[in-house]
Amino acid sequence: MKFDLTAASLFVIGNPIHHSVSPRMHQAVIDELGLDLQYSALRIPSEVDLAAFFDAMKHGGIKGVNVTVPYKEAVLPHLDHLDDAAKRCGAVNTIVNQDGRLIGYNTDGLGLLKSIKEDLGKEVFGQKVVIIGAGGAARGIVDALCQSGIASCAILNRTLSKAETLRYDMESVYKNPFYVGSTDVQEGSLEWTWLNDADIVIQSTSVGLSPNDHDTPVKTISWLRPGQLCIDIIYKPLETVFLKQAIAAGAIPLNGVGMLAGQGAAAFELFTGRPANYHLMKKEILNVDRY
């Protein structure tokens, strides 16, 4: 397949891609800064088309791309170098073209840290964390949290083997304690105790994503307590069942809008060397009609 990349100098790639808010939030910052750049979305039909796309990218003057599902892992063989975070995560969401060398980064975890700091004025250093899920998003988040000096991390997942793999990978790099358990939480279980004792609980799965927004990943919620920071990385709906339960218990809620804007802001700086207006990016996400 041939790709015509003359329409823009920055892209987001994935399949499907029509729903992506990345063009809107990046272009808003580009226009604010008065840069001569265009950001667009491009659907890559299948993994077999990635080689042709990256060949065209190298020779077409494209500055960089963001990568969304389902290609965050599939792009790895096509890149010339990965930064340390991308290596540890085994996934890439940002690629920069450096004179024909494609460099892969993962800014997902940085995006969440940005949201926690900018939106809540909080730091994660020394905090006890429970993360629900062990997929690609969880990997980036756990890595960034560990880099920031959290005290401990419990990983709860429906498939324990995936949680064990994530723990093993992170324990090979970081020294803080890791625990693994099931999302089938029973009152009085170890998982219940970890959740109740946690300073920060992060829901990193797609459970509760619209149109299945009636669902929640952990059915037992008696562990919730006032003052806990409860994060759901989903941003549609803005208030998931998980966050509604957290609010009712007096916990501090945070949805995924800030993480999306934060990872975009980090990617924008990699593309251009210029800081992005995080709050403008958030505004553009919230202004999209589908909300």
Protein backbone atom coordinates (compact mmCIF):
# COMPACT_ATOMS: atom_id res chain seq x y z
CA MET A 1 0.00 0.00 0.00
CA LYS A 2 1.24 3.53 -0.80
CA PHE A 3 0.77 6.43 1.60
CA ASP A 4 0.51 10.07 0.57
CA LEU A 5 1.88 12.01 3.55
CA THR A 6 1.92 15.44 1.95
CA ALA A 7 -1.19 16.61 3.81
CA ALA A 8 0.55 17.07 7.16
CA SER A 9 3.87 16.95 8.98
CA LEU A 10 2.51 15.21 12.09
CA PHE A 11 0.04 12.32 12.27
CA VAL A 12 -1.74 10.00 14.64
CA ILE A 13 -2.01 6.45 13.28
CA GLY A 14 -4.29 3.60 14.27
CA ASN A 15 -7.33 1.60 13.21
CA PRO A 16 -9.99 2.85 13.67
CA ILE A 17 -8.85 6.46 13.86
CA HIS A 18 -11.86 8.64 12.99
CA HIS A 19 -12.69 9.12 16.67
CA SER A 20 -9.24 10.43 17.68
CA VAL A 21 -9.11 13.85 19.36
CA SER A 22 -5.34 14.10 18.84
CA PRO A 23 -5.54 16.23 15.65
CA ARG A 24 -7.81 18.73 17.34
CA MET A 25 -5.76 19.15 20.52
CA HIS A 26 -2.36 19.20 18.78
CA GLN A 27 -3.49 21.61 16.06
CA ALA A 28 -4.84 23.99 18.68
CA VAL A 29 -1.40 24.21 20.30
CA ILE A 30 0.34 24.47 16.91
CA ASP A 31 -1.90 27.40 15.97
CA GLU A 32 -1.45 29.07 19.36
CA LEU A 33 2.34 28.96 18.90
CA GLY A 34 2.12 30.06 15.25
CA LEU A 35 4.07 27.06 13.98
CA ASP A 36 4.03 26.09 10.31
CA LEU A 37 2.79 22.54 10.97
CA GLN A 38 -0.29 20.49 10.22
CA TYR A 39 -1.45 17.53 12.32
CA SER A 40 -3.78 14.91 10.84
CA ALA A 41 -5.16 11.41 11.47
CA LEU A 42 -4.28 8.45 9.25
CA ARG A 43 -5.83 4.99 9.29
CA ILE A 44 -3.37 2.15 8.79
CA PRO A 45 -5.52 -0.74 7.53
CA SER A 46 -3.41 -3.59 8.99
CA GLU A 47 -0.03 -4.46 10.51
CA VAL A 48 1.28 -5.49 7.09
CA ASP A 49 0.94 -1.87 5.98
CA LEU A 50 3.20 -0.51 8.72
CA ALA A 51 6.45 -1.14 6.82
CA ALA A 52 5.23 0.88 3.84
CA PHE A 53 4.03 3.68 6.09
CA PHE A 54 7.32 4.01 7.96
CA ASP A 55 9.31 3.90 4.74
CA ALA A 56 7.17 6.78 3.46
CA MET A 57 7.59 8.59 6.78
CA LYS A 58 11.38 8.39 6.65
CA HIS A 59 11.55 9.81 3.15
CA GLY A 60 8.57 12.18 3.24
CA GLY A 61 9.67 14.84 5.70
CA ILE A 62 7.26 13.75 8.43
CA LYS A 63 8.43 15.07 11.83
CA GLY A 64 6.62 12.50 13.94
CA VAL A 65 3.56 10.42 14.70
CA ASN A 66 1.47 9.39 17.63
CA VAL A 67 0.41 5.74 17.76
CA THR A 68 -2.87 4.43 19.12
CA VAL A 69 -4.60 1.04 19.17
CA PRO A 70 -3.89 -1.51 17.89
CA TYR A 71 -0.30 -0.66 16.88
CA LYS A 72 1.53 0.42 20.06
CA GLU A 73 3.45 -2.86 20.13
CA ALA A 74 3.34 -3.72 16.44
CA VAL A 75 5.40 -0.64 15.48
CA LEU A 76 8.44 -1.75 17.50
CA PRO A 77 10.20 -3.79 14.76
CA HIS A 78 10.05 -0.79 12.41
CA LEU A 79 11.89 1.62 14.70
CA ASP A 80 15.60 2.37 14.84
CA HIS A 81 15.79 3.12 18.55
CA LEU A 82 13.63 3.08 21.70
CA ASP A 83 14.08 5.35 24.68
CA ASP A 84 14.43 3.63 28.06
CA ALA A 85 10.77 3.99 29.06
CA ALA A 86 9.57 2.50 25.77
CA LYS A 87 11.98 -0.43 26.22
CA ARG A 88 10.67 -1.13 29.71
CA CYS A 89 7.03 -0.77 28.65
CA GLY A 90 7.37 -2.75 25.42
CA ALA A 91 5.05 -0.25 23.75
CA VAL A 92 5.33 3.05 21.89
CA ASN A 93 2.83 5.89 21.53
CA THR A 94 5.14 8.56 20.08
CA ILE A 95 7.67 8.32 17.22
CA VAL A 96 10.05 11.12 16.26
CA ASN A 97 11.81 11.25 12.88
CA GLN A 98 15.41 12.34 13.54
CA ASP A 99 16.94 12.75 10.09
CA GLY A 100 15.59 9.42 8.90
CA ARG A 101 16.05 7.56 12.21
CA LEU A 102 12.77 6.67 13.88
CA ILE A 103 12.92 6.98 17.67
CA GLY A 104 10.14 5.49 19.81
CA TYR A 105 8.87 6.87 23.11
CA ASN A 106 6.09 6.07 25.58
CA THR A 107 4.51 9.17 27.15
CA ASP A 108 1.37 7.54 28.61
CA GLY A 109 2.69 7.36 32.17
CA LEU A 110 4.07 10.89 31.96
CA GLY A 111 0.60 12.01 30.90
CA LEU A 112 -0.97 10.61 34.05
CA LEU A 113 1.67 12.19 36.30
CA LYS A 114 1.07 15.52 34.53
CA SER A 115 -2.65 15.27 35.23
CA ILE A 116 -2.16 14.40 38.89
CA LYS A 117 0.14 17.39 39.38
CA GLU A 118 -1.65 19.96 37.21
CA ASP A 119 -5.24 19.07 38.07
CA LEU A 120 -4.88 18.10 41.74
CA GLY A 121 -1.58 19.65 42.83
CA LYS A 122 -0.41 16.27 44.11
CA GLU A 123 2.79 14.23 43.90
CA VAL A 124 3.08 10.44 43.89
CA PHE A 125 6.40 10.10 45.73
CA GLY A 126 6.09 7.77 48.73
CA GLN A 127 2.51 6.75 47.91
CA LYS A 128 1.07 3.23 48.09
CA VAL A 129 -0.55 2.42 44.74
CA VAL A 130 -2.95 -0.23 43.47
CA ILE A 131 -3.40 -0.50 39.72
CA ILE A 132 -6.31 -2.41 38.21
CA GLY A 133 -5.26 -3.98 34.91
CA ALA A 134 -1.99 -5.24 33.43
CA GLY A 135 -2.22 -4.20 29.78
CA GLY A 136 -0.22 -1.71 27.76
CA ALA A 137 -1.60 1.33 29.58
CA ALA A 138 -0.83 -0.22 32.96
CA ARG A 139 2.76 -0.91 31.93
CA GLY A 140 3.42 2.71 31.03
CA ILE A 141 1.72 3.98 34.18
CA VAL A 142 3.53 1.61 36.56
CA ASP A 143 6.88 2.47 34.99
CA ALA A 144 6.31 6.23 35.39
CA LEU A 145 5.07 5.79 38.97
CA CYS A 146 8.13 3.76 39.91
CA GLN A 147 10.38 6.35 38.30
CA SER A 148 8.70 8.90 40.56
CA GLY A 149 9.42 6.96 43.76
CA ILE A 150 6.15 5.36 44.87
CA ALA A 151 6.38 3.25 48.03
CA SER A 152 4.70 0.09 46.70
CA CYS A 153 2.53 -1.20 43.86
CA ALA A 154 -0.14 -3.90 43.85
CA ILE A 155 -1.31 -5.10 40.42
CA LEU A 156 -4.82 -6.57 40.20
CA ASN A 157 -5.86 -8.27 36.99
CA ARG A 158 -8.47 -10.73 35.79
CA THR A 159 -5.71 -12.87 34.24
CA LEU A 160 -3.11 -13.39 36.95
CA SER A 161 -0.40 -14.49 34.52
CA LYS A 162 -0.40 -11.04 32.86
CA ALA A 163 -0.11 -9.35 36.25
CA GLU A 164 2.76 -11.69 37.17
CA THR A 165 4.56 -10.82 33.92
CA LEU A 166 4.20 -7.11 34.61
CA ARG A 167 5.48 -7.56 38.16
CA TYR A 168 8.46 -9.60 36.94
CA ASP A 169 9.35 -6.99 34.33
CA MET A 170 9.15 -4.13 36.81
CA GLU A 171 10.96 -5.98 39.61
CA SER A 172 13.89 -6.48 37.25
CA VAL A 173 14.31 -2.67 37.18
CA TYR A 174 12.82 -1.26 40.38
CA LYS A 175 13.34 -2.26 44.03
CA ASN A 176 10.07 -1.17 45.64
CA PRO A 177 7.63 -3.92 46.69
CA PHE A 178 5.23 -5.36 44.12
CA TYR A 179 2.17 -7.51 44.80
CA VAL A 180 -0.16 -9.38 42.46
CA GLY A 181 -3.79 -10.30 42.92
CA SER A 182 -7.17 -10.81 41.27
CA THR A 183 -9.88 -8.29 40.42
CA ASP A 184 -12.32 -10.74 42.04
CA VAL A 185 -12.00 -8.88 45.33
CA GLN A 186 -13.60 -10.39 48.42
CA GLU A 187 -14.05 -8.45 51.65
CA GLY A 188 -11.22 -9.28 54.01
CA SER A 189 -8.97 -10.70 51.27
CA LEU A 190 -5.43 -9.50 50.62
CA GLU A 191 -6.67 -7.62 47.57
CA TRP A 192 -9.31 -5.86 49.69
CA THR A 193 -6.65 -4.86 52.24
CA TRP A 194 -4.32 -3.53 49.53
CA LEU A 195 -7.13 -1.45 48.06
CA ASN A 196 -8.28 -0.12 51.43
CA ASP A 197 -4.72 0.77 52.43
CA ALA A 198 -3.80 2.41 49.11
CA ASP A 199 -3.21 6.13 48.75
CA ILE A 200 -3.86 5.93 44.99
CA VAL A 201 -6.06 3.45 43.09
CA ILE A 202 -5.84 3.51 39.29
CA GLN A 203 -8.36 1.83 36.97
CA SER A 204 -6.40 1.24 33.73
CA THR A 205 -8.64 -1.19 31.83
CA SER A 206 -11.35 -0.51 29.23
CA VAL A 207 -14.07 -1.79 31.58
CA GLY A 208 -16.66 0.96 31.87
CA LEU A 209 -15.83 2.53 28.51
CA SER A 210 -18.85 3.80 26.55
CA PRO A 211 -21.12 2.21 25.35
CA ASN A 212 -20.57 -0.35 28.16
CA ASP A 213 -20.54 2.41 30.76
CA HIS A 214 -22.66 0.49 33.26
CA ASP A 215 -19.78 -1.83 34.12
CA THR A 216 -16.95 -1.61 36.65
CA PRO A 217 -13.81 -3.77 37.01
CA VAL A 218 -14.11 -4.44 40.77
CA LYS A 219 -17.55 -5.39 42.08
CA THR A 220 -16.75 -5.18 45.81
CA ILE A 221 -16.37 -1.51 46.78
CA SER A 222 -16.47 -1.56 50.60
CA TRP A 223 -12.70 -0.87 50.60
CA LEU A 224 -13.24 2.67 49.31
CA ARG A 225 -12.55 5.37 51.91
CA PRO A 226 -12.48 9.18 52.12
CA GLY A 227 -9.30 10.88 50.94
CA GLN A 228 -8.10 8.18 48.57
CA LEU A 229 -7.17 9.32 45.06
CA CYS A 230 -9.17 7.18 42.63
CA ILE A 231 -8.23 7.49 38.94
CA ASP A 232 -9.98 6.06 35.91
CA ILE A 233 -8.01 6.53 32.68
CA ILE A 234 -11.23 6.29 30.65
CA TYR A 235 -12.46 9.68 29.34
CA LYS A 236 -15.74 8.58 27.77
CA PRO A 237 -17.83 8.80 29.87
CA LEU A 238 -16.18 11.51 31.94
CA GLU A 239 -17.59 9.94 35.10
CA THR A 240 -17.50 6.15 35.06
CA VAL A 241 -19.29 3.88 37.51
CA PHE A 242 -15.95 3.42 39.28
CA LEU A 243 -15.56 7.19 39.76
CA LYS A 244 -19.17 7.61 40.87
CA GLN A 245 -18.58 4.97 43.54
CA ALA A 246 -15.37 6.72 44.61
CA ILE A 247 -17.15 10.09 44.90
CA ALA A 248 -19.93 8.55 46.97
CA ALA A 249 -17.32 7.19 49.40
CA GLY A 250 -15.61 10.57 49.76
CA ALA A 251 -12.59 9.70 47.62
CA ILE A 252 -10.90 12.15 45.23
CA PRO A 253 -11.83 11.35 41.59
CA LEU A 254 -9.76 11.92 38.45
CA ASN A 255 -10.82 10.89 34.95
CA GLY A 256 -8.69 10.20 31.88
CA VAL A 257 -8.98 13.57 30.13
CA GLY A 258 -5.87 14.91 31.82
CA MET A 259 -3.86 11.80 31.02
CA LEU A 260 -4.80 12.11 27.34
CA ALA A 261 -3.82 15.79 27.31
CA GLY A 262 -0.67 15.10 29.31
CA GLN A 263 0.65 12.38 27.05
CA GLY A 264 -0.12 14.63 24.08
CA ALA A 265 1.74 17.53 25.66
CA ALA A 266 4.80 15.35 26.27
CA ALA A 267 4.67 14.07 22.69
CA PHE A 268 4.31 17.62 21.31
CA GLU A 269 7.49 18.69 23.08
CA LEU A 270 9.33 15.71 21.60
CA PHE A 271 8.07 16.66 18.12
CA THR A 272 8.81 20.38 18.28
CA GLY A 273 11.09 21.14 21.21
CA ARG A 274 8.39 23.57 22.42
CA PRO A 275 6.27 23.18 25.58
CA ALA A 276 2.59 22.53 24.92
CA ASN A 277 -0.33 24.28 26.56
CA TYR A 278 -1.72 21.38 28.62
CA HIS A 279 -4.87 23.25 29.62
CA LEU A 280 -5.64 24.16 26.01
CA MET A 281 -5.31 20.49 25.07
CA LYS A 282 -7.73 19.53 27.86
CA LYS A 283 -10.18 22.18 26.69
CA GLU A 284 -10.12 20.82 23.14
CA ILE A 285 -10.80 17.28 24.37
CA LEU A 286 -13.75 18.44 26.44
CA ASN A 287 -15.16 20.53 23.58
CA VAL A 288 -15.43 17.58 21.20
CA ASP A 289 -19.10 17.08 20.28
CA ARG A 290 -19.17 13.43 21.32
CA TYR A 291 -19.02 14.50 24.93
